[in-house]
Amino acid sequence: MNDVTQRLLRTGVSIGAGFIGSKVVEAIWKAATGDDEAPTTDDDQATLLKVVAFATISAGVSALLEVGSQRLVSKAVSKTGNTKAQQLGRAEV
């Protein structure tokens, strides 16, 4: 697998993981708070605590999914026998 294919694969997996992660965080937020939407900084009814809590949870889930998905892709690519696969993502983590 060449470098371009690896980068495209990593990008696709990252986008997919980000989409799934945002949906999971929104569903958990809705179940925990009962609010239909996540708070935004423009929302006058949202407290600062809710905005900061949602931002922190979202960032944490995003970071975990990013690292996990990149490691998963690295393992999958390294099984194909490409020695450059292990070097490609090291500086990102």
C-alpha atoms as a PDB file:
ATOM      1  CA  MET A   1       0.000   0.000   0.000  1.00  0.00           C
ATOM      2  CA  ASN A   2       1.530   3.309  -0.999  1.00  0.00           C
ATOM      3  CA  ASP A   3       1.672   6.502   1.064  1.00  0.00           C
ATOM      4  CA  VAL A   4      -1.186   8.212  -0.768  1.00  0.00           C
ATOM      5  CA  THR A   5      -3.513   5.284  -0.142  1.00  0.00           C
ATOM      6  CA  GLN A   6      -2.494   5.195   3.517  1.00  0.00           C
ATOM      7  CA  ARG A   7      -3.181   8.888   3.942  1.00  0.00           C
ATOM      8  CA  LEU A   8      -6.553   8.609   2.240  1.00  0.00           C
ATOM      9  CA  LEU A   9      -7.434   5.628   4.415  1.00  0.00           C
ATOM     10  CA  ARG A  10      -6.397   7.466   7.576  1.00  0.00           C
ATOM     11  CA  THR A  11      -8.372  10.547   6.540  1.00  0.00           C
ATOM     12  CA  GLY A  12     -11.475   8.517   5.758  1.00  0.00           C
ATOM     13  CA  VAL A  13     -11.291   6.621   9.033  1.00  0.00           C
ATOM     14  CA  SER A  14     -10.776   9.874  10.968  1.00  0.00           C
ATOM     15  CA  ILE A  15     -13.776  11.512   9.319  1.00  0.00           C
ATOM     16  CA  GLY A  16     -15.931   8.455   9.953  1.00  0.00           C
ATOM     17  CA  ALA A  17     -14.820   8.208  13.572  1.00  0.00           C
ATOM     18  CA  GLY A  18     -15.490  11.912  14.085  1.00  0.00           C
ATOM     19  CA  PHE A  19     -18.991  11.618  12.655  1.00  0.00           C
ATOM     20  CA  ILE A  20     -19.819   8.585  14.787  1.00  0.00           C
ATOM     21  CA  GLY A  21     -18.282  10.228  17.848  1.00  0.00           C
ATOM     22  CA  SER A  22     -20.334  13.393  17.463  1.00  0.00           C
ATOM     23  CA  LYS A  23     -23.539  11.377  17.135  1.00  0.00           C
ATOM     24  CA  VAL A  24     -22.665   9.313  20.219  1.00  0.00           C
ATOM     25  CA  VAL A  25     -21.852  12.410  22.292  1.00  0.00           C
ATOM     26  CA  GLU A  26     -25.097  14.091  21.205  1.00  0.00           C
ATOM     27  CA  ALA A  27     -27.116  10.986  22.103  1.00  0.00           C
ATOM     28  CA  ILE A  28     -25.445  10.696  25.507  1.00  0.00           C
ATOM     29  CA  TRP A  29     -25.954  14.407  26.140  1.00  0.00           C
ATOM     30  CA  LYS A  30     -29.637  14.146  25.243  1.00  0.00           C
ATOM     31  CA  ALA A  31     -30.096  11.106  27.502  1.00  0.00           C
ATOM     32  CA  ALA A  32     -28.235  12.699  30.417  1.00  0.00           C
ATOM     33  CA  THR A  33     -29.703  16.203  30.299  1.00  0.00           C
ATOM     34  CA  GLY A  34     -32.944  15.829  28.391  1.00  0.00           C
ATOM     35  CA  ASP A  35     -31.977  18.728  26.114  1.00  0.00           C
ATOM     36  CA  ASP A  36     -32.661  18.159  22.424  1.00  0.00           C
ATOM     37  CA  GLU A  37     -29.561  20.023  21.276  1.00  0.00           C
ATOM     38  CA  ALA A  38     -26.092  20.541  22.608  1.00  0.00           C
ATOM     39  CA  PRO A  39     -25.467  23.952  24.141  1.00  0.00           C
ATOM     40  CA  THR A  40     -23.706  26.606  22.107  1.00  0.00           C
ATOM     41  CA  THR A  41     -22.068  29.851  23.114  1.00  0.00           C
ATOM     42  CA  ASP A  42     -24.877  31.768  21.379  1.00  0.00           C
ATOM     43  CA  ASP A  43     -27.590  30.038  23.409  1.00  0.00           C
ATOM     44  CA  ASP A  44     -28.817  32.437  26.108  1.00  0.00           C
ATOM     45  CA  GLN A  45     -30.482  29.680  28.140  1.00  0.00           C
ATOM     46  CA  ALA A  46     -27.391  27.477  28.358  1.00  0.00           C
ATOM     47  CA  THR A  47     -25.309  27.909  31.457  1.00  0.00           C
ATOM     48  CA  LEU A  48     -21.565  28.265  31.245  1.00  0.00           C
ATOM     49  CA  LEU A  49     -21.223  24.953  33.081  1.00  0.00           C
ATOM     50  CA  LYS A  50     -23.242  23.132  30.406  1.00  0.00           C
ATOM     51  CA  VAL A  51     -21.252  24.691  27.575  1.00  0.00           C
ATOM     52  CA  VAL A  52     -17.906  23.853  29.197  1.00  0.00           C
ATOM     53  CA  ALA A  53     -19.043  20.335  30.127  1.00  0.00           C
ATOM     54  CA  PHE A  54     -20.205  19.569  26.603  1.00  0.00           C
ATOM     55  CA  ALA A  55     -17.029  20.998  25.065  1.00  0.00           C
ATOM     56  CA  THR A  56     -14.846  18.960  27.425  1.00  0.00           C
ATOM     57  CA  ILE A  57     -16.731  15.724  26.797  1.00  0.00           C
ATOM     58  CA  SER A  58     -16.701  16.298  23.037  1.00  0.00           C
ATOM     59  CA  ALA A  59     -12.972  17.014  22.980  1.00  0.00           C
ATOM     60  CA  GLY A  60     -12.184  13.959  25.095  1.00  0.00           C
ATOM     61  CA  VAL A  61     -14.238  11.615  22.950  1.00  0.00           C
ATOM     62  CA  SER A  62     -12.773  13.144  19.802  1.00  0.00           C
ATOM     63  CA  ALA A  63      -9.196  12.658  21.019  1.00  0.00           C
ATOM     64  CA  LEU A  64      -9.837   9.054  22.040  1.00  0.00           C
ATOM     65  CA  LEU A  65     -11.449   8.218  18.722  1.00  0.00           C
ATOM     66  CA  GLU A  66      -8.678   9.909  16.762  1.00  0.00           C
ATOM     67  CA  VAL A  67      -5.904   8.013  18.521  1.00  0.00           C
ATOM     68  CA  GLY A  68      -7.825   4.748  18.468  1.00  0.00           C
ATOM     69  CA  SER A  69      -8.721   4.964  14.804  1.00  0.00           C
ATOM     70  CA  GLN A  70      -5.171   5.869  13.782  1.00  0.00           C
ATOM     71  CA  ARG A  71      -3.754   2.954  15.758  1.00  0.00           C
ATOM     72  CA  LEU A  72      -6.309   0.631  14.206  1.00  0.00           C
ATOM     73  CA  VAL A  73      -5.356   1.773  10.715  1.00  0.00           C
ATOM     74  CA  SER A  74      -1.652   1.411  11.562  1.00  0.00           C
ATOM     75  CA  LYS A  75      -2.209  -2.180  12.682  1.00  0.00           C
ATOM     76  CA  ALA A  76      -4.240  -2.986   9.592  1.00  0.00           C
ATOM     77  CA  VAL A  77      -1.701  -1.439   7.244  1.00  0.00           C
ATOM     78  CA  SER A  78       1.258  -3.079   8.994  1.00  0.00           C
ATOM     79  CA  LYS A  79      -0.369  -6.473   8.473  1.00  0.00           C
ATOM     80  CA  THR A  80      -0.164  -5.856   4.734  1.00  0.00           C
ATOM     81  CA  GLY A  81       3.628  -5.931   5.028  1.00  0.00           C
ATOM     82  CA  ASN A  82       4.345  -2.250   4.445  1.00  0.00           C
ATOM     83  CA  THR A  83       7.208  -1.102   6.682  1.00  0.00           C
ATOM     84  CA  LYS A  84       6.443   2.614   6.252  1.00  0.00           C
ATOM     85  CA  ALA A  85       3.002   2.174   7.814  1.00  0.00           C
ATOM     86  CA  GLN A  86       4.360   2.260  11.334  1.00  0.00           C
ATOM     87  CA  GLN A  87       6.272   5.493  10.755  1.00  0.00           C
ATOM     88  CA  LEU A  88       3.443   7.467   9.165  1.00  0.00           C
ATOM     89  CA  GLY A  89       1.408   8.286  12.281  1.00  0.00           C
ATOM     90  CA  ARG A  90       4.016   8.517  15.030  1.00  0.00           C
ATOM     91  CA  ALA A  91       4.396  12.289  15.089  1.00  0.00           C
ATOM     92  CA  GLU A  92       0.620  12.795  15.248  1.00  0.00           C
ATOM     93  CA  VAL A  93       0.124  11.063  18.600  1.00  0.00           C
END
